[in-house]
Amino acid sequence: MLLNKQIYFKVLINKFILFKFYKYYIIDSIIIVKKHGLKELFKRRGWKFLLIIVSYYAVRDSLIYIIIPYLIAKGIIGL
């Protein structure tokens, strides 16, 4: 029974693209930084990697510092 649950969760996780992205791209990038350094990471991943990092932080920070306070001020979100 336990083996069937493990197989089910493994199949379920492999279907989600976010888990695939995390498994192959992010973990691999961490390994590259630990073994060869940040300079090698940018050589291998190129400008796309930098674009992903900048985009992530731009979206996250705009949500935290602009959109959520605006919604609170307008009374849409009540805390």
PDB file of N, CA and C in Angstrom:
ATOM      1  N   MET A   1       0.825  -1.197   0.000  1.00  0.00           N
ATOM      2  CA  MET A   1       0.000   0.000   0.000  1.00  0.00           C
ATOM      3  C   MET A   1       0.869   1.261   0.000  1.00  0.00           C
ATOM      4  N   LEU A   2       1.908   1.270   0.849  1.00  0.00           N
ATOM      5  CA  LEU A   2       2.794   2.420   0.928  1.00  0.00           C
ATOM      6  C   LEU A   2       3.542   2.623  -0.381  1.00  0.00           C
ATOM      7  N   LEU A   3       3.931   1.526  -1.020  1.00  0.00           N
ATOM      8  CA  LEU A   3       4.641   1.610  -2.292  1.00  0.00           C
ATOM      9  C   LEU A   3       3.747   2.222  -3.370  1.00  0.00           C
ATOM     10  N   ASN A   4       2.473   1.875  -3.373  1.00  0.00           N
ATOM     11  CA  ASN A   4       1.540   2.438  -4.350  1.00  0.00           C
ATOM     12  C   ASN A   4       1.379   3.945  -4.160  1.00  0.00           C
ATOM     13  N   LYS A   5       1.339   4.410  -2.898  1.00  0.00           N
ATOM     14  CA  LYS A   5       1.236   5.846  -2.631  1.00  0.00           C
ATOM     15  C   LYS A   5       2.484   6.576  -3.099  1.00  0.00           C
ATOM     16  N   GLN A   6       3.648   5.981  -2.871  1.00  0.00           N
ATOM     17  CA  GLN A   6       4.895   6.612  -3.302  1.00  0.00           C
ATOM     18  C   GLN A   6       4.944   6.723  -4.821  1.00  0.00           C
ATOM     19  N   ILE A   7       4.522   5.677  -5.501  1.00  0.00           N
ATOM     20  CA  ILE A   7       4.508   5.700  -6.968  1.00  0.00           C
ATOM     21  C   ILE A   7       3.518   6.749  -7.466  1.00  0.00           C
ATOM     22  N   TYR A   8       2.348   6.822  -6.829  1.00  0.00           N
ATOM     23  CA  TYR A   8       1.336   7.802  -7.219  1.00  0.00           C
ATOM     24  C   TYR A   8       1.853   9.225  -7.061  1.00  0.00           C
ATOM     25  N   PHE A   9       2.482   9.515  -5.922  1.00  0.00           N
ATOM     26  CA  PHE A   9       2.996  10.864  -5.701  1.00  0.00           C
ATOM     27  C   PHE A   9       4.135  11.190  -6.652  1.00  0.00           C
ATOM     28  N   LYS A  10       4.954  10.206  -6.976  1.00  0.00           N
ATOM     29  CA  LYS A  10       6.050  10.434  -7.907  1.00  0.00           C
ATOM     30  C   LYS A  10       5.504  10.783  -9.298  1.00  0.00           C
ATOM     31  N   VAL A  11       4.482  10.064  -9.741  1.00  0.00           N
ATOM     32  CA  VAL A  11       3.861  10.350 -11.035  1.00  0.00           C
ATOM     33  C   VAL A  11       3.180  11.711 -11.004  1.00  0.00           C
ATOM     34  N   LEU A  12       2.498  12.029  -9.916  1.00  0.00           N
ATOM     35  CA  LEU A  12       1.809  13.304  -9.780  1.00  0.00           C
ATOM     36  C   LEU A  12       2.790  14.470  -9.814  1.00  0.00           C
ATOM     37  N   ILE A  13       3.900  14.345  -9.111  1.00  0.00           N
ATOM     38  CA  ILE A  13       4.905  15.407  -9.077  1.00  0.00           C
ATOM     39  C   ILE A  13       5.540  15.592 -10.453  1.00  0.00           C
ATOM     40  N   ASN A  14       5.796  14.504 -11.159  1.00  0.00           N
ATOM     41  CA  ASN A  14       6.419  14.610 -12.478  1.00  0.00           C
ATOM     42  C   ASN A  14       5.507  15.286 -13.498  1.00  0.00           C
ATOM     43  N   LYS A  15       4.203  15.297 -13.253  1.00  0.00           N
ATOM     44  CA  LYS A  15       3.278  15.935 -14.189  1.00  0.00           C
ATOM     45  C   LYS A  15       3.302  17.457 -14.072  1.00  0.00           C
ATOM     46  N   PHE A  16       3.590  17.973 -12.912  1.00  0.00           N
ATOM     47  CA  PHE A  16       3.569  19.417 -12.720  1.00  0.00           C
ATOM     48  C   PHE A  16       4.844  20.033 -13.273  1.00  0.00           C
ATOM     49  N   ILE A  17       4.701  21.025 -14.110  1.00  0.00           N
ATOM     50  CA  ILE A  17       5.849  21.644 -14.765  1.00  0.00           C
ATOM     51  C   ILE A  17       6.732  22.402 -13.780  1.00  0.00           C
ATOM     52  N   LEU A  18       6.129  22.932 -12.726  1.00  0.00           N
ATOM     53  CA  LEU A  18       6.912  23.664 -11.738  1.00  0.00           C
ATOM     54  C   LEU A  18       7.905  22.751 -11.022  1.00  0.00           C
ATOM     55  N   PHE A  19       7.468  21.557 -10.712  1.00  0.00           N
ATOM     56  CA  PHE A  19       8.372  20.612 -10.076  1.00  0.00           C
ATOM     57  C   PHE A  19       9.472  20.179 -11.026  1.00  0.00           C
ATOM     58  N   LYS A  20       9.142  20.012 -12.307  1.00  0.00           N
ATOM     59  CA  LYS A  20      10.171  19.669 -13.291  1.00  0.00           C
ATOM     60  C   LYS A  20      11.181  20.807 -13.410  1.00  0.00           C
ATOM     61  N   PHE A  21      10.676  22.028 -13.453  1.00  0.00           N
ATOM     62  CA  PHE A  21      11.547  23.190 -13.534  1.00  0.00           C
ATOM     63  C   PHE A  21      12.475  23.245 -12.328  1.00  0.00           C
ATOM     64  N   TYR A  22      11.912  23.028 -11.149  1.00  0.00           N
ATOM     65  CA  TYR A  22      12.701  23.058  -9.928  1.00  0.00           C
ATOM     66  C   TYR A  22      13.721  21.938  -9.937  1.00  0.00           C
ATOM     67  N   LYS A  23      13.301  20.776 -10.321  1.00  0.00           N
ATOM     68  CA  LYS A  23      14.174  19.602 -10.265  1.00  0.00           C
ATOM     69  C   LYS A  23      15.372  19.734 -11.200  1.00  0.00           C
ATOM     70  N   TYR A  24      15.145  20.178 -12.413  1.00  0.00           N
ATOM     71  CA  TYR A  24      16.213  20.163 -13.403  1.00  0.00           C
ATOM     72  C   TYR A  24      16.952  21.488 -13.540  1.00  0.00           C
ATOM     73  N   TYR A  25      16.306  22.572 -13.352  1.00  0.00           N
ATOM     74  CA  TYR A  25      16.924  23.860 -13.641  1.00  0.00           C
ATOM     75  C   TYR A  25      17.504  24.512 -12.392  1.00  0.00           C
ATOM     76  N   ILE A  26      16.723  24.596 -11.356  1.00  0.00           N
ATOM     77  CA  ILE A  26      17.174  25.298 -10.155  1.00  0.00           C
ATOM     78  C   ILE A  26      18.213  24.491  -9.398  1.00  0.00           C
ATOM     79  N   ILE A  27      17.946  23.208  -9.180  1.00  0.00           N
ATOM     80  CA  ILE A  27      18.917  22.386  -8.453  1.00  0.00           C
ATOM     81  C   ILE A  27      20.213  22.275  -9.239  1.00  0.00           C
ATOM     82  N   ASP A  28      20.113  22.122 -10.550  1.00  0.00           N
ATOM     83  CA  ASP A  28      21.313  22.060 -11.381  1.00  0.00           C
ATOM     84  C   ASP A  28      22.103  23.366 -11.295  1.00  0.00           C
ATOM     85  N   SER A  29      21.418  24.491 -11.252  1.00  0.00           N
ATOM     86  CA  SER A  29      22.089  25.785 -11.142  1.00  0.00           C
ATOM     87  C   SER A  29      22.806  25.920  -9.802  1.00  0.00           C
ATOM     88  N   ILE A  30      22.184  25.437  -8.738  1.00  0.00           N
ATOM     89  CA  ILE A  30      22.828  25.478  -7.421  1.00  0.00           C
ATOM     90  C   ILE A  30      24.089  24.631  -7.410  1.00  0.00           C
ATOM     91  N   ILE A  31      24.035  23.482  -8.042  1.00  0.00           N
ATOM     92  CA  ILE A  31      25.212  22.607  -8.106  1.00  0.00           C
ATOM     93  C   ILE A  31      26.326  23.280  -8.894  1.00  0.00           C
ATOM     94  N   ILE A  32      25.991  23.948  -9.993  1.00  0.00           N
ATOM     95  CA  ILE A  32      27.009  24.652 -10.787  1.00  0.00           C
ATOM     96  C   ILE A  32      27.673  25.741  -9.955  1.00  0.00           C
ATOM     97  N   VAL A  33      26.892  26.514  -9.203  1.00  0.00           N
ATOM     98  CA  VAL A  33      27.459  27.588  -8.373  1.00  0.00           C
ATOM     99  C   VAL A  33      28.368  27.013  -7.300  1.00  0.00           C
ATOM    100  N   LYS A  34      27.960  25.926  -6.675  1.00  0.00           N
ATOM    101  CA  LYS A  34      28.778  25.346  -5.609  1.00  0.00           C
ATOM    102  C   LYS A  34      30.082  24.771  -6.132  1.00  0.00           C
ATOM    103  N   LYS A  35      30.044  24.148  -7.309  1.00  0.00           N
ATOM    104  CA  LYS A  35      31.252  23.511  -7.845  1.00  0.00           C
ATOM    105  C   LYS A  35      32.173  24.485  -8.577  1.00  0.00           C
ATOM    106  N   HIS A  36      31.587  25.382  -9.385  1.00  0.00           N
ATOM    107  CA  HIS A  36      32.404  26.204 -10.280  1.00  0.00           C
ATOM    108  C   HIS A  36      32.310  27.698 -10.036  1.00  0.00           C
ATOM    109  N   GLY A  37      31.305  28.141  -9.324  1.00  0.00           N
ATOM    110  CA  GLY A  37      31.163  29.557  -9.041  1.00  0.00           C
ATOM    111  C   GLY A  37      30.095  30.232  -9.879  1.00  0.00           C
ATOM    112  N   LEU A  38      29.820  31.475  -9.505  1.00  0.00           N
ATOM    113  CA  LEU A  38      28.761  32.250 -10.148  1.00  0.00           C
ATOM    114  C   LEU A  38      29.108  32.617 -11.592  1.00  0.00           C
ATOM    115  N   LYS A  39      30.369  32.847 -11.835  1.00  0.00           N
ATOM    116  CA  LYS A  39      30.802  33.218 -13.183  1.00  0.00           C
ATOM    117  C   LYS A  39      30.516  32.083 -14.178  1.00  0.00           C
ATOM    118  N   GLU A  40      30.762  30.867 -13.762  1.00  0.00           N
ATOM    119  CA  GLU A  40      30.491  29.713 -14.619  1.00  0.00           C
ATOM    120  C   GLU A  40      28.991  29.521 -14.856  1.00  0.00           C
ATOM    121  N   LEU A  41      28.201  29.838 -13.855  1.00  0.00           N
ATOM    122  CA  LEU A  41      26.755  29.739 -14.008  1.00  0.00           C
ATOM    123  C   LEU A  41      26.263  30.670 -15.107  1.00  0.00           C
ATOM    124  N   PHE A  42      26.756  31.908 -15.123  1.00  0.00           N
ATOM    125  CA  PHE A  42      26.331  32.850 -16.160  1.00  0.00           C
ATOM    126  C   PHE A  42      26.900  32.476 -17.525  1.00  0.00           C
ATOM    127  N   LYS A  43      28.039  31.799 -17.556  1.00  0.00           N
ATOM    128  CA  LYS A  43      28.563  31.314 -18.830  1.00  0.00           C
ATOM    129  C   LYS A  43      27.664  30.225 -19.399  1.00  0.00           C
ATOM    130  N   ARG A  44      27.217  29.318 -18.531  1.00  0.00           N
ATOM    131  CA  ARG A  44      26.394  28.198 -18.992  1.00  0.00           C
ATOM    132  C   ARG A  44      24.950  28.598 -19.257  1.00  0.00           C
ATOM    133  N   ARG A  45      24.374  29.392 -18.369  1.00  0.00           N
ATOM    134  CA  ARG A  45      22.956  29.750 -18.493  1.00  0.00           C
ATOM    135  C   ARG A  45      22.744  30.997 -19.347  1.00  0.00           C
ATOM    136  N   GLY A  46      23.692  31.896 -19.344  1.00  0.00           N
ATOM    137  CA  GLY A  46      23.594  33.081 -20.179  1.00  0.00           C
ATOM    138  C   GLY A  46      22.654  34.149 -19.633  1.00  0.00           C
ATOM    139  N   TRP A  47      22.233  35.029 -20.524  1.00  0.00           N
ATOM    140  CA  TRP A  47      21.422  36.168 -20.143  1.00  0.00           C
ATOM    141  C   TRP A  47      20.019  35.763 -19.720  1.00  0.00           C
ATOM    142  N   LYS A  48      19.544  34.585 -20.151  1.00  0.00           N
ATOM    143  CA  LYS A  48      18.205  34.131 -19.777  1.00  0.00           C
ATOM    144  C   LYS A  48      18.087  33.941 -18.271  1.00  0.00           C
ATOM    145  N   PHE A  49      19.130  33.416 -17.683  1.00  0.00           N
ATOM    146  CA  PHE A  49      19.118  33.177 -16.245  1.00  0.00           C
ATOM    147  C   PHE A  49      19.012  34.494 -15.490  1.00  0.00           C
ATOM    148  N   LEU A  50      19.764  35.470 -15.914  1.00  0.00           N
ATOM    149  CA  LEU A  50      19.696  36.787 -15.295  1.00  0.00           C
ATOM    150  C   LEU A  50      18.315  37.410 -15.488  1.00  0.00           C
ATOM    151  N   LEU A  51      17.724  37.228 -16.650  1.00  0.00           N
ATOM    152  CA  LEU A  51      16.386  37.736 -16.920  1.00  0.00           C
ATOM    153  C   LEU A  51      15.344  37.079 -16.012  1.00  0.00           C
ATOM    154  N   ILE A  52      15.473  35.797 -15.767  1.00  0.00           N
ATOM    155  CA  ILE A  52      14.546  35.087 -14.881  1.00  0.00           C
ATOM    156  C   ILE A  52      14.653  35.626 -13.462  1.00  0.00           C
ATOM    157  N   ILE A  53      15.865  35.833 -12.988  1.00  0.00           N
ATOM    158  CA  ILE A  53      16.067  36.342 -11.624  1.00  0.00           C
ATOM    159  C   ILE A  53      15.486  37.748 -11.483  1.00  0.00           C
ATOM    160  N   VAL A  54      15.761  38.624 -12.435  1.00  0.00           N
ATOM    161  CA  VAL A  54      15.253  39.998 -12.380  1.00  0.00           C
ATOM    162  C   VAL A  54      13.730  40.010 -12.458  1.00  0.00           C
ATOM    163  N   SER A  55      13.162  39.184 -13.321  1.00  0.00           N
ATOM    164  CA  SER A  55      11.701  39.117 -13.451  1.00  0.00           C
ATOM    165  C   SER A  55      11.052  38.626 -12.168  1.00  0.00           C
ATOM    166  N   TYR A  56      11.624  37.615 -11.567  1.00  0.00           N
ATOM    167  CA  TYR A  56      11.069  37.077 -10.325  1.00  0.00           C
ATOM    168  C   TYR A  56      11.007  38.150  -9.241  1.00  0.00           C
ATOM    169  N   TYR A  57      12.120  38.835  -9.046  1.00  0.00           N
ATOM    170  CA  TYR A  57      12.155  39.847  -7.993  1.00  0.00           C
ATOM    171  C   TYR A  57      11.288  41.064  -8.329  1.00  0.00           C
ATOM    172  N   ALA A  58      11.166  41.403  -9.599  1.00  0.00           N
ATOM    173  CA  ALA A  58      10.304  42.526  -9.976  1.00  0.00           C
ATOM    174  C   ALA A  58       8.838  42.216  -9.688  1.00  0.00           C
ATOM    175  N   VAL A  59       8.404  41.025 -10.018  1.00  0.00           N
ATOM    176  CA  VAL A  59       7.021  40.631  -9.749  1.00  0.00           C
ATOM    177  C   VAL A  59       6.780  40.529  -8.250  1.00  0.00           C
ATOM    178  N   ARG A  60       7.684  39.888  -7.540  1.00  0.00           N
ATOM    179  CA  ARG A  60       7.517  39.714  -6.097  1.00  0.00           C
ATOM    180  C   ARG A  60       7.476  41.057  -5.371  1.00  0.00           C
ATOM    181  N   ASP A  61       8.412  41.918  -5.685  1.00  0.00           N
ATOM    182  CA  ASP A  61       8.474  43.205  -4.991  1.00  0.00           C
ATOM    183  C   ASP A  61       7.312  44.117  -5.362  1.00  0.00           C
ATOM    184  N   SER A  62       6.862  44.059  -6.607  1.00  0.00           N
ATOM    185  CA  SER A  62       5.712  44.894  -6.966  1.00  0.00           C
ATOM    186  C   SER A  62       4.454  44.423  -6.245  1.00  0.00           C
ATOM    187  N   LEU A  63       4.313  43.125  -6.043  1.00  0.00           N
ATOM    188  CA  LEU A  63       3.174  42.635  -5.265  1.00  0.00           C
ATOM    189  C   LEU A  63       3.257  43.094  -3.814  1.00  0.00           C
ATOM    190  N   ILE A  64       4.425  42.929  -3.231  1.00  0.00           N
ATOM    191  CA  ILE A  64       4.579  43.227  -1.801  1.00  0.00           C
ATOM    192  C   ILE A  64       4.494  44.721  -1.519  1.00  0.00           C
ATOM    193  N   TYR A  65       5.158  45.532  -2.320  1.00  0.00           N
ATOM    194  CA  TYR A  65       5.306  46.942  -1.985  1.00  0.00           C
ATOM    195  C   TYR A  65       4.356  47.889  -2.722  1.00  0.00           C
ATOM    196  N   ILE A  66       3.697  47.424  -3.778  1.00  0.00           N
ATOM    197  CA  ILE A  66       2.820  48.318  -4.527  1.00  0.00           C
ATOM    198  C   ILE A  66       1.368  47.829  -4.519  1.00  0.00           C
ATOM    199  N   ILE A  67       1.132  46.630  -5.001  1.00  0.00           N
ATOM    200  CA  ILE A  67      -0.241  46.160  -5.205  1.00  0.00           C
ATOM    201  C   ILE A  67      -0.965  45.896  -3.891  1.00  0.00           C
ATOM    202  N   ILE A  68      -0.361  45.155  -2.983  1.00  0.00           N
ATOM    203  CA  ILE A  68      -1.025  44.844  -1.712  1.00  0.00           C
ATOM    204  C   ILE A  68      -1.296  46.107  -0.893  1.00  0.00           C
ATOM    205  N   PRO A  69      -0.323  47.030  -0.723  1.00  0.00           N
ATOM    206  CA  PRO A  69      -0.661  48.264   0.000  1.00  0.00           C
ATOM    207  C   PRO A  69      -1.749  49.093  -0.687  1.00  0.00           C
ATOM    208  N   TYR A  70      -1.767  49.104  -2.001  1.00  0.00           N
ATOM    209  CA  TYR A  70      -2.811  49.825  -2.727  1.00  0.00           C
ATOM    210  C   TYR A  70      -4.190  49.229  -2.444  1.00  0.00           C
ATOM    211  N   LEU A  71      -4.269  47.902  -2.478  1.00  0.00           N
ATOM    212  CA  LEU A  71      -5.544  47.245  -2.213  1.00  0.00           C
ATOM    213  C   LEU A  71      -6.001  47.452  -0.776  1.00  0.00           C
ATOM    214  N   ILE A  72      -5.061  47.485   0.154  1.00  0.00           N
ATOM    215  CA  ILE A  72      -5.404  47.753   1.551  1.00  0.00           C
ATOM    216  C   ILE A  72      -5.908  49.186   1.701  1.00  0.00           C
ATOM    217  N   ALA A  73      -5.246  50.142   1.045  1.00  0.00           N
ATOM    218  CA  ALA A  73      -5.655  51.538   1.122  1.00  0.00           C
ATOM    219  C   ALA A  73      -7.036  51.766   0.509  1.00  0.00           C
ATOM    220  N   LYS A  74      -7.362  51.061  -0.546  1.00  0.00           N
ATOM    221  CA  LYS A  74      -8.666  51.191  -1.174  1.00  0.00           C
ATOM    222  C   LYS A  74      -9.757  50.460  -0.402  1.00  0.00           C
ATOM    223  N   GLY A  75      -9.376  49.633   0.532  1.00  0.00           N
ATOM    224  CA  GLY A  75     -10.353  48.899   1.332  1.00  0.00           C
ATOM    225  C   GLY A  75     -10.809  47.592   0.719  1.00  0.00           C
ATOM    226  N   ILE A  76     -10.160  47.170  -0.346  1.00  0.00           N
ATOM    227  CA  ILE A  76     -10.526  45.908  -0.991  1.00  0.00           C
ATOM    228  C   ILE A  76     -10.085  44.729  -0.127  1.00  0.00           C
ATOM    229  N   ILE A  77      -8.913  44.865   0.457  1.00  0.00           N
ATOM    230  CA  ILE A  77      -8.401  43.848   1.376  1.00  0.00           C
ATOM    231  C   ILE A  77      -8.433  44.458   2.766  1.00  0.00           C
ATOM    232  N   GLY A  78      -9.120  43.826   3.678  1.00  0.00           N
ATOM    233  CA  GLY A  78      -9.185  44.337   5.044  1.00  0.00           C
ATOM    234  C   GLY A  78      -8.324  43.506   5.965  1.00  0.00           C
ATOM    235  N   LEU A  79      -7.472  44.176   6.698  1.00  0.00           N
ATOM    236  CA  LEU A  79      -6.631  43.443   7.653  1.00  0.00           C
ATOM    237  C   LEU A  79      -7.003  43.776   9.056  1.00  0.00           C
TER     238      LEU A  79
END
